[in-house]
Amino acid sequence: MQDALVQRTYTAVVEHFIKTGRAPHYTELAKTLDVPPEKARQAQHQAAESSIGCWFVKDTDYVESWAPFSNVPTQYLVTIDGEQKWFGQ
C-alpha cells in the first residue's frame, strides 16, 4: 500500500508541474492524495528518494527539482503552444 502512495505522489507532483508550472507544496499534495499533510510530506520525500533527478532545497521540504522540471528558474525554458511556464533541469 505504501508503494502505491509513493507512486501516486510522484505522479501527482508531475501532473501539478504540467498544470501549474511549479511543484506542489506537501499541503497541496495532501488534498490531492486525500491523506494528512504529514503523510503527504513523507510520501513526497520517499518519491524523490526513489527517483532519479528529484530533490529538495537543502534542509527543507520545498521541491527544487523533479525530473524533468526545475522548480527554480533555469536557462532551460520549456514552451508549449506559445506558453512558457516551465523550466527544465
N, C-alpha and C. Protein backbone atom coordinates (compact mmCIF):
# COMPACT_ATOMS: atom_id res chain seq x y z
N MET A 1 0.82 -1.20 0.00
CA MET A 1 0.00 0.00 0.00
C MET A 1 0.86 1.26 0.00
N GLN A 2 1.97 1.22 0.77
CA GLN A 2 2.86 2.38 0.83
C GLN A 2 3.49 2.67 -0.53
N ASP A 3 3.89 1.61 -1.25
CA ASP A 3 4.46 1.81 -2.58
C ASP A 3 3.47 2.47 -3.52
N ALA A 4 2.21 2.13 -3.39
CA ALA A 4 1.18 2.74 -4.23
C ALA A 4 1.06 4.24 -3.93
N LEU A 5 1.15 4.61 -2.67
CA LEU A 5 1.08 6.03 -2.30
C LEU A 5 2.29 6.78 -2.84
N VAL A 6 3.45 6.17 -2.76
CA VAL A 6 4.67 6.81 -3.28
C VAL A 6 4.53 7.03 -4.79
N GLN A 7 4.03 6.04 -5.52
CA GLN A 7 3.84 6.20 -6.96
C GLN A 7 2.79 7.26 -7.26
N ARG A 8 1.70 7.26 -6.53
CA ARG A 8 0.67 8.29 -6.72
C ARG A 8 1.23 9.67 -6.44
N THR A 9 2.09 9.77 -5.44
CA THR A 9 2.70 11.05 -5.09
C THR A 9 3.60 11.54 -6.21
N TYR A 10 4.46 10.66 -6.71
CA TYR A 10 5.35 11.04 -7.81
C TYR A 10 4.53 11.57 -8.99
N THR A 11 3.51 10.83 -9.36
CA THR A 11 2.65 11.21 -10.49
C THR A 11 1.93 12.52 -10.22
N ALA A 12 1.45 12.71 -9.00
CA ALA A 12 0.74 13.95 -8.64
C ALA A 12 1.66 15.16 -8.75
N VAL A 13 2.92 15.01 -8.37
CA VAL A 13 3.86 16.12 -8.48
C VAL A 13 4.08 16.47 -9.95
N VAL A 14 4.30 15.47 -10.79
CA VAL A 14 4.50 15.72 -12.23
C VAL A 14 3.26 16.38 -12.82
N GLU A 15 2.08 15.88 -12.50
CA GLU A 15 0.84 16.44 -13.04
C GLU A 15 0.64 17.89 -12.58
N HIS A 16 1.02 18.18 -11.34
CA HIS A 16 0.90 19.55 -10.83
C HIS A 16 1.85 20.48 -11.59
N PHE A 17 3.07 20.00 -11.83
CA PHE A 17 4.02 20.78 -12.63
C PHE A 17 3.44 21.08 -14.00
N ILE A 18 2.90 20.07 -14.66
CA ILE A 18 2.36 20.24 -16.01
C ILE A 18 1.23 21.27 -15.99
N LYS A 19 0.37 21.19 -15.01
CA LYS A 19 -0.80 22.07 -14.94
C LYS A 19 -0.44 23.50 -14.55
N THR A 20 0.46 23.65 -13.57
CA THR A 20 0.69 24.98 -12.99
C THR A 20 2.06 25.59 -13.29
N GLY A 21 3.02 24.75 -13.70
CA GLY A 21 4.36 25.26 -13.94
C GLY A 21 5.24 25.27 -12.70
N ARG A 22 4.75 24.73 -11.60
CA ARG A 22 5.52 24.70 -10.36
C ARG A 22 5.20 23.43 -9.58
N ALA A 23 6.08 23.13 -8.63
CA ALA A 23 5.87 21.95 -7.78
C ALA A 23 4.84 22.27 -6.69
N PRO A 24 4.07 21.27 -6.30
CA PRO A 24 3.14 21.50 -5.19
C PRO A 24 3.86 21.44 -3.85
N HIS A 25 3.35 22.17 -2.90
CA HIS A 25 3.79 22.02 -1.51
C HIS A 25 3.11 20.76 -0.98
N TYR A 26 3.69 20.13 0.01
CA TYR A 26 3.11 18.88 0.51
C TYR A 26 1.70 19.07 1.07
N THR A 27 1.36 20.28 1.52
CA THR A 27 -0.01 20.51 1.99
C THR A 27 -1.00 20.46 0.82
N GLU A 28 -0.56 20.90 -0.36
CA GLU A 28 -1.40 20.78 -1.55
C GLU A 28 -1.52 19.31 -1.96
N LEU A 29 -0.40 18.60 -1.86
CA LEU A 29 -0.43 17.17 -2.18
C LEU A 29 -1.38 16.41 -1.27
N ALA A 30 -1.42 16.79 -0.01
CA ALA A 30 -2.29 16.11 0.94
C ALA A 30 -3.74 16.14 0.46
N LYS A 31 -4.16 17.28 -0.05
CA LYS A 31 -5.53 17.40 -0.57
C LYS A 31 -5.73 16.52 -1.80
N THR A 32 -4.75 16.56 -2.70
CA THR A 32 -4.83 15.77 -3.93
C THR A 32 -4.87 14.27 -3.63
N LEU A 33 -4.03 13.85 -2.68
CA LEU A 33 -3.91 12.43 -2.34
C LEU A 33 -4.92 11.96 -1.30
N ASP A 34 -5.60 12.91 -0.70
CA ASP A 34 -6.58 12.62 0.36
C ASP A 34 -5.92 11.89 1.54
N VAL A 35 -4.80 12.48 1.98
CA VAL A 35 -4.07 11.97 3.15
C VAL A 35 -3.72 13.16 4.04
N PRO A 36 -3.37 12.91 5.30
CA PRO A 36 -2.95 14.01 6.18
C PRO A 36 -1.66 14.65 5.65
N PRO A 37 -1.45 15.94 5.94
CA PRO A 37 -0.25 16.63 5.45
C PRO A 37 1.06 15.93 5.77
N GLU A 38 1.23 15.42 6.97
CA GLU A 38 2.49 14.76 7.32
C GLU A 38 2.72 13.51 6.48
N LYS A 39 1.67 12.79 6.19
CA LYS A 39 1.81 11.59 5.34
C LYS A 39 2.19 12.00 3.92
N ALA A 40 1.62 13.10 3.44
CA ALA A 40 1.97 13.60 2.10
C ALA A 40 3.43 14.06 2.08
N ARG A 41 3.88 14.72 3.14
CA ARG A 41 5.27 15.18 3.21
C ARG A 41 6.23 13.99 3.14
N GLN A 42 5.93 12.97 3.92
CA GLN A 42 6.78 11.77 3.93
C GLN A 42 6.76 11.07 2.57
N ALA A 43 5.58 10.96 1.98
CA ALA A 43 5.46 10.29 0.68
C ALA A 43 6.21 11.06 -0.41
N GLN A 44 6.17 12.39 -0.33
CA GLN A 44 6.89 13.20 -1.31
C GLN A 44 8.40 12.97 -1.20
N HIS A 45 8.91 12.90 0.02
CA HIS A 45 10.33 12.63 0.20
C HIS A 45 10.68 11.22 -0.27
N GLN A 46 9.83 10.25 0.01
CA GLN A 46 10.08 8.88 -0.44
C GLN A 46 10.06 8.80 -1.97
N ALA A 47 9.14 9.50 -2.59
CA ALA A 47 9.07 9.50 -4.06
C ALA A 47 10.33 10.12 -4.65
N ALA A 48 10.81 11.19 -4.06
CA ALA A 48 12.04 11.82 -4.55
C ALA A 48 13.24 10.90 -4.37
N GLU A 49 13.31 10.24 -3.23
CA GLU A 49 14.43 9.34 -2.95
C GLU A 49 14.44 8.13 -3.88
N SER A 50 13.27 7.72 -4.34
CA SER A 50 13.19 6.53 -5.19
C SER A 50 13.32 6.87 -6.68
N SER A 51 13.55 8.14 -6.99
CA SER A 51 13.62 8.58 -8.38
C SER A 51 14.97 9.21 -8.68
N ILE A 52 15.27 9.30 -9.95
CA ILE A 52 16.47 9.99 -10.40
C ILE A 52 16.06 11.40 -10.79
N GLY A 53 16.81 12.38 -10.34
CA GLY A 53 16.55 13.76 -10.75
C GLY A 53 15.50 14.48 -9.94
N CYS A 54 15.22 14.01 -8.74
CA CYS A 54 14.26 14.68 -7.86
C CYS A 54 14.96 15.02 -6.55
N TRP A 55 14.88 16.29 -6.14
CA TRP A 55 15.47 16.67 -4.87
C TRP A 55 14.81 17.91 -4.33
N PHE A 56 15.12 18.20 -3.06
CA PHE A 56 14.55 19.33 -2.34
C PHE A 56 15.61 20.38 -2.07
N VAL A 57 15.18 21.60 -1.82
CA VAL A 57 16.11 22.63 -1.36
C VAL A 57 16.70 22.11 -0.05
N LYS A 58 18.01 22.24 0.09
CA LYS A 58 18.73 21.68 1.24
C LYS A 58 18.03 22.01 2.56
N ASP A 59 17.82 20.94 3.34
CA ASP A 59 17.25 21.04 4.69
C ASP A 59 15.84 21.62 4.73
N THR A 60 15.07 21.43 3.64
CA THR A 60 13.69 21.91 3.61
C THR A 60 12.78 20.84 3.03
N ASP A 61 11.51 21.17 2.96
CA ASP A 61 10.52 20.32 2.30
C ASP A 61 10.07 20.93 0.98
N TYR A 62 10.82 21.89 0.46
CA TYR A 62 10.48 22.55 -0.79
C TYR A 62 11.18 21.86 -1.97
N VAL A 63 10.38 21.43 -2.94
CA VAL A 63 10.93 20.78 -4.13
C VAL A 63 11.79 21.79 -4.89
N GLU A 64 13.00 21.40 -5.20
CA GLU A 64 13.86 22.22 -6.05
C GLU A 64 13.80 21.73 -7.48
N SER A 65 13.79 20.41 -7.64
CA SER A 65 13.77 19.84 -8.98
C SER A 65 13.06 18.50 -8.95
N TRP A 66 12.30 18.24 -10.00
CA TRP A 66 11.54 16.99 -10.13
C TRP A 66 11.55 16.65 -11.61
N ALA A 67 12.44 15.75 -11.98
CA ALA A 67 12.69 15.47 -13.40
C ALA A 67 11.40 15.32 -14.20
N PRO A 68 11.34 15.99 -15.32
CA PRO A 68 12.36 16.78 -15.98
C PRO A 68 12.27 18.28 -15.66
N PHE A 69 11.49 18.64 -14.64
CA PHE A 69 11.22 20.04 -14.33
C PHE A 69 12.13 20.59 -13.23
N SER A 70 12.36 21.89 -13.30
CA SER A 70 13.02 22.60 -12.22
C SER A 70 12.00 23.54 -11.59
N ASN A 71 12.00 23.61 -10.28
CA ASN A 71 11.07 24.49 -9.58
C ASN A 71 11.68 25.88 -9.37
N VAL A 72 12.93 26.04 -9.77
CA VAL A 72 13.58 27.34 -9.74
C VAL A 72 13.95 27.70 -11.17
N PRO A 73 13.95 28.97 -11.50
CA PRO A 73 14.28 29.36 -12.87
C PRO A 73 15.67 28.86 -13.29
N THR A 74 15.73 28.37 -14.51
CA THR A 74 16.99 27.96 -15.12
C THR A 74 17.06 28.57 -16.51
N GLN A 75 18.17 28.36 -17.18
CA GLN A 75 18.29 28.85 -18.56
C GLN A 75 17.52 27.98 -19.53
N TYR A 76 16.95 26.88 -19.06
CA TYR A 76 16.22 25.95 -19.93
C TYR A 76 14.73 26.25 -19.87
N LEU A 77 14.26 27.09 -20.76
CA LEU A 77 12.84 27.44 -20.81
C LEU A 77 12.09 26.39 -21.61
N VAL A 78 10.96 25.97 -21.09
CA VAL A 78 10.12 24.99 -21.78
C VAL A 78 8.85 25.72 -22.21
N THR A 79 8.60 25.71 -23.51
CA THR A 79 7.45 26.41 -24.08
C THR A 79 6.61 25.41 -24.85
N ILE A 80 5.31 25.44 -24.59
CA ILE A 80 4.37 24.57 -25.30
C ILE A 80 3.24 25.44 -25.82
N ASP A 81 2.97 25.33 -27.13
CA ASP A 81 1.92 26.12 -27.76
C ASP A 81 2.03 27.60 -27.43
N GLY A 82 3.26 28.11 -27.41
CA GLY A 82 3.50 29.53 -27.15
C GLY A 82 3.45 29.92 -25.70
N GLU A 83 3.21 28.98 -24.81
CA GLU A 83 3.13 29.29 -23.37
C GLU A 83 4.40 28.78 -22.68
N GLN A 84 5.09 29.70 -21.99
CA GLN A 84 6.29 29.32 -21.25
C GLN A 84 5.99 29.48 -19.77
N LYS A 85 5.79 28.34 -19.11
CA LYS A 85 5.58 28.39 -17.66
C LYS A 85 6.40 27.32 -16.95
N TRP A 86 7.30 26.68 -17.68
CA TRP A 86 8.11 25.62 -17.11
C TRP A 86 9.59 25.91 -17.30
N PHE A 87 10.37 25.36 -16.40
CA PHE A 87 11.82 25.38 -16.53
C PHE A 87 12.30 23.94 -16.49
N GLY A 88 13.27 23.62 -17.33
CA GLY A 88 13.84 22.29 -17.35
C GLY A 88 15.06 22.21 -16.45
N GLN A 89 15.45 20.98 -16.13
CA GLN A 89 16.63 20.78 -15.28
C GLN A 89 17.88 21.15 -16.03
